[in-house]
Amino acid sequence: MKVFIAGGSGRVAAAVIENLVKEGHEVYAGSRHKDSIVKLPGVTAFTLDLHESVSDLASQVKGMDAVYFLAGSRGKDLLQTDAFGAVKLMQASEKAGVKRYIQLSSIFATEPDKWQEEPSLSGIIDYDIAKFFSDEWLINNTNLDYTIVAPGVLEEKPATDKIQLNPEHSGPNPIPDVAAVLAGVLDKKNTYKKLIKMIGGDTPIDDAIAEI
């Protein structure tokens, strides 16, 4: 597949790109920091600015088989990038005729009542607000074949290749495991129109995805 990635220079994106390339996909990764995108055969890096118009973004995703939104401003541009940038990329995907759309979110982003209850979320409420609106838009205002992957706290630790789905509380997730889920759902129709909440656990990733 020809796969478009927004936010291609991020930590999660780098691991997702590696997974997708191993599976034989063509990856087109965009970022404001083009030179920071992982350099691998099968990866085309380009400059992407989520402040651009829907029409401009549509011209970049045209011809793709799937779009990933993995961008994040780390709190510096929440409205323009994490919230509205995501919505514009959804609109651009629809305008360009791309149906498959995969979005990285945050655990319980669509459940504001949990934000103050979870210690790991109480300090990132503005980020979760941005994710709340982008996730809700994706679910309720598009016709995309979406999957939202919503992990707990991201950790730079080795892969465990195991997760827990739909936990009652947040928890840590090694970045390689999150990336494996994001890459693994790409062609899995059972994950269409689904919000996948996950933390580290005991279920092998392939088995967990198959059970969704």
Protein backbone atom coordinates (compact mmCIF):
# COMPACT_ATOMS: atom_id res chain seq x y z
CA MET A 1 0.00 0.00 0.00
CA LYS A 2 0.95 3.64 -0.43
CA VAL A 3 0.80 5.09 3.06
CA PHE A 4 0.86 8.78 4.01
CA ILE A 5 2.10 9.77 7.47
CA ALA A 6 1.56 13.18 9.01
CA GLY A 7 4.03 13.86 11.79
CA GLY A 8 6.68 11.63 10.28
CA SER A 9 9.55 12.91 12.43
CA GLY A 10 8.04 11.91 15.78
CA ARG A 11 9.12 9.08 18.07
CA VAL A 12 6.07 6.94 17.40
CA ALA A 13 6.12 7.72 13.69
CA ALA A 14 9.72 6.53 13.31
CA ALA A 15 8.79 3.15 14.75
CA VAL A 16 5.59 2.95 12.69
CA ILE A 17 7.54 3.72 9.52
CA GLU A 18 10.01 0.92 10.28
CA ASN A 19 7.14 -1.53 10.77
CA LEU A 20 5.39 -0.50 7.56
CA VAL A 21 8.56 -0.74 5.49
CA LYS A 22 9.20 -4.25 6.84
CA GLU A 23 5.73 -5.20 5.60
CA GLY A 24 6.57 -3.92 2.12
CA HIS A 25 4.50 -0.75 2.09
CA GLU A 26 5.55 2.49 0.38
CA VAL A 27 5.73 5.22 2.98
CA TYR A 28 5.34 8.95 2.29
CA ALA A 29 6.23 10.74 5.52
CA GLY A 30 5.64 14.45 6.03
CA SER A 31 6.82 16.80 8.74
CA ARG A 32 7.87 20.37 9.31
CA HIS A 33 11.21 18.78 10.19
CA LYS A 34 11.76 16.80 7.00
CA ASP A 35 15.43 16.06 7.74
CA SER A 36 14.47 14.33 11.00
CA ILE A 37 12.36 11.66 9.27
CA VAL A 38 13.91 8.20 9.49
CA LYS A 39 15.91 7.40 6.36
CA LEU A 40 15.05 3.97 4.98
CA PRO A 41 14.56 2.44 1.54
CA GLY A 42 10.91 2.78 0.62
CA VAL A 43 10.43 6.03 2.55
CA THR A 44 9.84 9.34 0.79
CA ALA A 45 10.26 12.32 3.11
CA PHE A 46 8.73 15.71 2.40
CA THR A 47 7.81 18.94 4.14
CA LEU A 48 4.30 19.00 5.58
CA ASP A 49 2.69 21.95 7.32
CA LEU A 50 -0.67 21.27 8.95
CA HIS A 51 -1.39 25.00 8.87
CA GLU A 52 -2.00 24.64 5.14
CA SER A 53 -5.49 24.61 3.61
CA VAL A 54 -7.58 21.49 3.12
CA SER A 55 -7.08 21.77 -0.64
CA ASP A 56 -3.31 21.92 -0.26
CA LEU A 57 -3.32 18.91 2.05
CA ALA A 58 -5.64 17.01 -0.31
CA SER A 59 -3.16 17.45 -3.13
CA GLN A 60 -0.51 15.78 -0.96
CA VAL A 61 -2.60 12.77 0.07
CA LYS A 62 -4.10 12.20 -3.39
CA GLY A 63 -3.28 8.73 -4.67
CA MET A 64 -2.59 7.26 -1.24
CA ASP A 65 -4.23 4.09 0.06
CA ALA A 66 -4.16 5.13 3.70
CA VAL A 67 -3.42 8.16 5.87
CA TYR A 68 -1.94 8.20 9.37
CA PHE A 69 -2.21 11.18 11.70
CA LEU A 70 0.75 10.83 14.08
CA ALA A 71 1.53 14.52 14.44
CA GLY A 72 1.83 16.26 17.78
CA SER A 73 3.00 19.70 18.82
CA ARG A 74 4.00 18.65 22.36
CA GLY A 75 1.75 21.35 23.72
CA LYS A 76 3.15 24.18 21.57
CA ASP A 77 0.45 24.37 18.89
CA LEU A 78 -2.50 22.37 20.19
CA LEU A 79 -5.27 24.20 18.33
CA GLN A 80 -3.63 24.50 14.91
CA THR A 81 -1.87 21.11 14.84
CA ASP A 82 -3.33 18.57 17.27
CA ALA A 83 -6.97 19.63 16.86
CA PHE A 84 -7.63 21.57 13.65
CA GLY A 85 -4.67 20.09 11.79
CA ALA A 86 -6.12 16.65 12.37
CA VAL A 87 -9.58 17.73 11.22
CA LYS A 88 -8.18 19.32 8.07
CA LEU A 89 -6.27 16.14 7.24
CA MET A 90 -9.50 14.15 7.61
CA GLN A 91 -11.27 16.56 5.28
CA ALA A 92 -8.33 16.41 2.87
CA SER A 93 -8.45 12.61 2.87
CA GLU A 94 -12.14 12.63 2.03
CA LYS A 95 -11.59 15.27 -0.65
CA ALA A 96 -8.83 13.13 -2.20
CA GLY A 97 -10.90 9.95 -2.02
CA VAL A 98 -8.75 8.19 0.60
CA LYS A 99 -10.97 6.08 2.86
CA ARG A 100 -8.52 4.47 5.30
CA TYR A 101 -7.50 6.78 8.13
CA ILE A 102 -5.60 5.90 11.31
CA GLN A 103 -5.17 8.37 14.16
CA LEU A 104 -2.95 8.30 17.22
CA SER A 105 -4.78 9.67 20.23
CA SER A 106 -4.58 9.51 24.03
CA ILE A 107 -6.27 7.02 26.33
CA PHE A 108 -9.66 8.29 27.59
CA ALA A 109 -9.45 11.39 25.35
CA THR A 110 -13.16 10.98 24.61
CA GLU A 111 -14.01 10.52 28.32
CA PRO A 112 -13.42 13.89 30.05
CA ASP A 113 -14.78 12.61 33.37
CA LYS A 114 -11.66 10.45 33.70
CA TRP A 115 -9.12 13.21 33.12
CA GLN A 116 -8.95 14.39 36.74
CA GLU A 117 -9.20 10.85 38.10
CA GLU A 118 -6.11 9.56 36.30
CA PRO A 119 -2.79 10.99 37.60
CA SER A 120 -1.13 10.55 34.20
CA LEU A 121 -3.86 12.61 32.50
CA SER A 122 -4.40 15.46 34.95
CA GLY A 123 -1.28 17.23 33.71
CA ILE A 124 -2.11 17.00 29.99
CA ILE A 125 -5.71 18.17 29.98
CA ASP A 126 -5.18 20.77 27.24
CA TYR A 127 -3.73 18.03 25.01
CA ASP A 128 -6.66 15.75 25.78
CA ILE A 129 -9.08 18.55 24.92
CA ALA A 130 -7.45 18.84 21.49
CA LYS A 131 -7.66 15.08 21.07
CA PHE A 132 -11.26 15.06 22.29
CA PHE A 133 -12.37 17.36 19.49
CA SER A 134 -10.31 15.67 16.76
CA ASP A 135 -11.47 12.18 17.80
CA GLU A 136 -15.09 13.25 18.06
CA TRP A 137 -14.90 14.87 14.62
CA LEU A 138 -13.42 11.73 13.13
CA ILE A 139 -16.08 9.52 14.68
CA ASN A 140 -19.13 11.69 14.10
CA ASN A 141 -18.41 13.91 11.10
CA THR A 142 -16.58 11.77 8.56
CA ASN A 143 -17.27 8.75 6.41
CA LEU A 144 -13.70 7.51 6.72
CA ASP A 145 -12.78 3.92 7.55
CA TYR A 146 -11.00 5.10 10.67
CA THR A 147 -9.17 3.47 13.52
CA ILE A 148 -8.19 5.49 16.58
CA VAL A 149 -5.35 4.06 18.66
CA ALA A 150 -5.36 5.56 22.16
CA PRO A 151 -2.47 4.39 24.35
CA GLY A 152 -1.60 5.30 27.91
CA VAL A 153 1.70 6.89 28.87
CA LEU A 154 4.33 6.51 26.16
CA GLU A 155 7.65 5.12 27.36
CA GLU A 156 10.95 4.76 25.57
CA LYS A 157 11.43 1.13 26.55
CA PRO A 158 11.97 -2.07 24.56
CA ALA A 159 8.99 -3.80 23.00
CA THR A 160 7.07 -6.38 24.98
CA ASP A 161 4.84 -7.29 22.01
CA LYS A 162 1.95 -7.58 24.46
CA ILE A 163 -0.88 -5.22 25.39
CA GLN A 164 -4.16 -4.94 27.28
CA LEU A 165 -7.24 -3.58 25.53
CA ASN A 166 -9.97 -1.45 27.12
CA PRO A 167 -8.35 -1.03 30.55
CA GLU A 168 -10.20 0.67 33.39
CA HIS A 169 -7.19 2.85 34.19
CA SER A 170 -4.29 4.35 32.29
CA GLY A 171 -0.86 2.75 32.31
CA PRO A 172 2.47 2.73 30.50
CA ASN A 173 3.03 1.69 26.88
CA PRO A 174 6.47 1.10 25.34
CA ILE A 175 6.58 3.11 22.11
CA PRO A 176 7.49 0.05 19.97
CA ASP A 177 4.29 -1.67 21.13
CA VAL A 178 2.16 1.35 20.24
CA ALA A 179 3.83 1.50 16.83
CA ALA A 180 3.20 -2.22 16.29
CA VAL A 181 -0.51 -1.71 16.93
CA LEU A 182 -0.70 1.32 14.64
CA ALA A 183 1.02 -0.59 11.83
CA GLY A 184 -0.83 -3.80 12.56
CA VAL A 185 -4.33 -2.38 12.14
CA LEU A 186 -3.62 -0.93 8.69
CA ASP A 187 -5.29 -3.66 6.63
CA LYS A 188 -7.51 -5.16 9.33
CA LYS A 189 -11.14 -4.45 8.49
CA ASN A 190 -12.27 -5.58 11.93
CA THR A 191 -10.60 -2.43 13.29
CA TYR A 192 -12.58 -0.05 11.05
CA LYS A 193 -14.73 2.44 12.96
CA LYS A 194 -13.08 1.42 16.22
CA LEU A 195 -11.44 3.27 19.11
CA ILE A 196 -8.67 1.09 20.57
CA LYS A 197 -7.73 1.96 24.15
CA MET A 198 -4.58 0.16 25.27
CA ILE A 199 -1.88 -0.17 27.92
CA GLY A 200 0.86 -2.70 28.48
CA GLY A 201 -0.49 -6.15 29.23
CA ASP A 202 -0.29 -9.89 28.66
CA THR A 203 -2.05 -10.41 25.31
CA PRO A 204 0.16 -10.76 22.20
CA ILE A 205 -0.45 -7.80 19.91
CA ASP A 206 -1.54 -9.92 16.91
CA ASP A 207 -4.07 -11.77 19.08
CA ALA A 208 -5.39 -8.53 20.57
CA ILE A 209 -5.90 -6.97 17.13
CA ALA A 210 -7.65 -10.12 15.90
CA GLU A 211 -10.09 -9.93 18.83
CA ILE A 212 -11.15 -6.31 18.20
